[in-house]
Protein backbone atom coordinates (compact mmCIF):
# COMPACT_ATOMS: atom_id res chain seq x y z
CA UNK A 1 67.23 106.50 99.10
CA UNK A 2 69.41 109.22 100.70
CA UNK A 3 73.07 109.15 101.00
CA UNK A 4 74.60 106.49 103.97
CA UNK A 5 77.00 109.18 105.80
CA UNK A 6 80.31 107.99 106.55
CA UNK A 7 81.61 107.59 109.56
CA UNK A 8 84.31 110.39 110.06
CA UNK A 9 86.42 108.71 112.45
CA UNK A 10 86.89 105.48 110.49
CA UNK A 11 87.14 107.44 107.25
CA UNK A 12 89.91 109.09 109.48
CA UNK A 13 91.15 105.92 110.32
CA UNK A 14 91.76 103.34 107.91
CA UNK A 15 92.16 103.27 104.41
CA UNK A 16 91.35 100.61 101.85
CA UNK A 17 93.80 98.85 100.24
CA UNK A 18 93.78 97.43 95.95
CA UNK A 19 93.11 94.41 96.82
CA UNK A 20 90.37 95.24 98.76
CA UNK A 21 92.39 94.77 102.69
CA UNK A 22 92.10 97.56 105.08
CA UNK A 23 94.78 99.28 106.13
CA UNK A 24 95.46 101.39 109.86
CA UNK A 25 97.75 101.72 112.46
CA UNK A 26 99.57 100.65 115.60
CA UNK A 27 97.54 100.50 118.71
CA UNK A 28 99.79 102.18 121.96
CA UNK A 29 101.52 103.95 120.59
CA UNK A 30 100.81 106.96 121.54
CA UNK A 31 102.68 107.81 125.07
CA UNK A 32 104.06 105.52 127.90
CA UNK A 33 106.30 105.10 125.09
CA UNK A 34 109.69 104.12 127.96
CA UNK A 35 108.74 100.73 128.93
CA UNK A 36 108.52 99.64 125.48
CA UNK A 37 111.41 98.61 123.44
CA UNK A 38 112.73 100.12 120.63
CA UNK A 39 112.18 96.85 117.97
CA UNK A 40 108.39 97.10 119.68
CA UNK A 41 108.05 100.39 119.40
CA UNK A 42 109.71 99.97 115.50
CA UNK A 43 107.30 97.78 114.35
CA UNK A 44 104.36 99.47 116.01
CA UNK A 45 105.58 101.83 113.37
CA UNK A 46 104.38 99.64 110.45
CA UNK A 47 100.91 99.42 109.03
CA UNK A 48 98.48 97.28 110.67
CA UNK A 49 95.82 95.42 108.13
CA UNK A 50 92.55 94.69 110.02
CA UNK A 51 91.94 90.73 109.92
CA UNK A 52 88.56 89.75 108.02
CA UNK A 53 86.39 89.32 111.04
CA UNK A 54 86.45 93.66 112.05
CA UNK A 55 86.76 94.53 108.01
CA UNK A 56 83.48 93.82 107.65
CA UNK A 57 82.15 96.13 110.05
CA UNK A 58 84.95 98.97 108.70
CA UNK A 59 83.08 98.66 105.42
CA UNK A 60 79.96 98.53 106.41
CA UNK A 61 81.47 102.54 107.93
CA UNK A 62 82.66 103.29 105.15
CA UNK A 63 80.44 103.06 101.93
CA UNK A 64 82.30 104.96 99.69
CA UNK A 65 85.13 103.53 99.97
């Protein structure tokens, strides 16, 4: 059985936690920041947990994580 290739784009975006969940950065933080409030931008700095429905597809892209 051959090794499964890791999706390198996903590997750069997601990290697995000790409990088995995936964490990632928030979207909407790269540009057009002037119209967003300071509170909103500060919230986007924090890590985001991938929901259970999407975690299945992320786990498929990262077979050895």
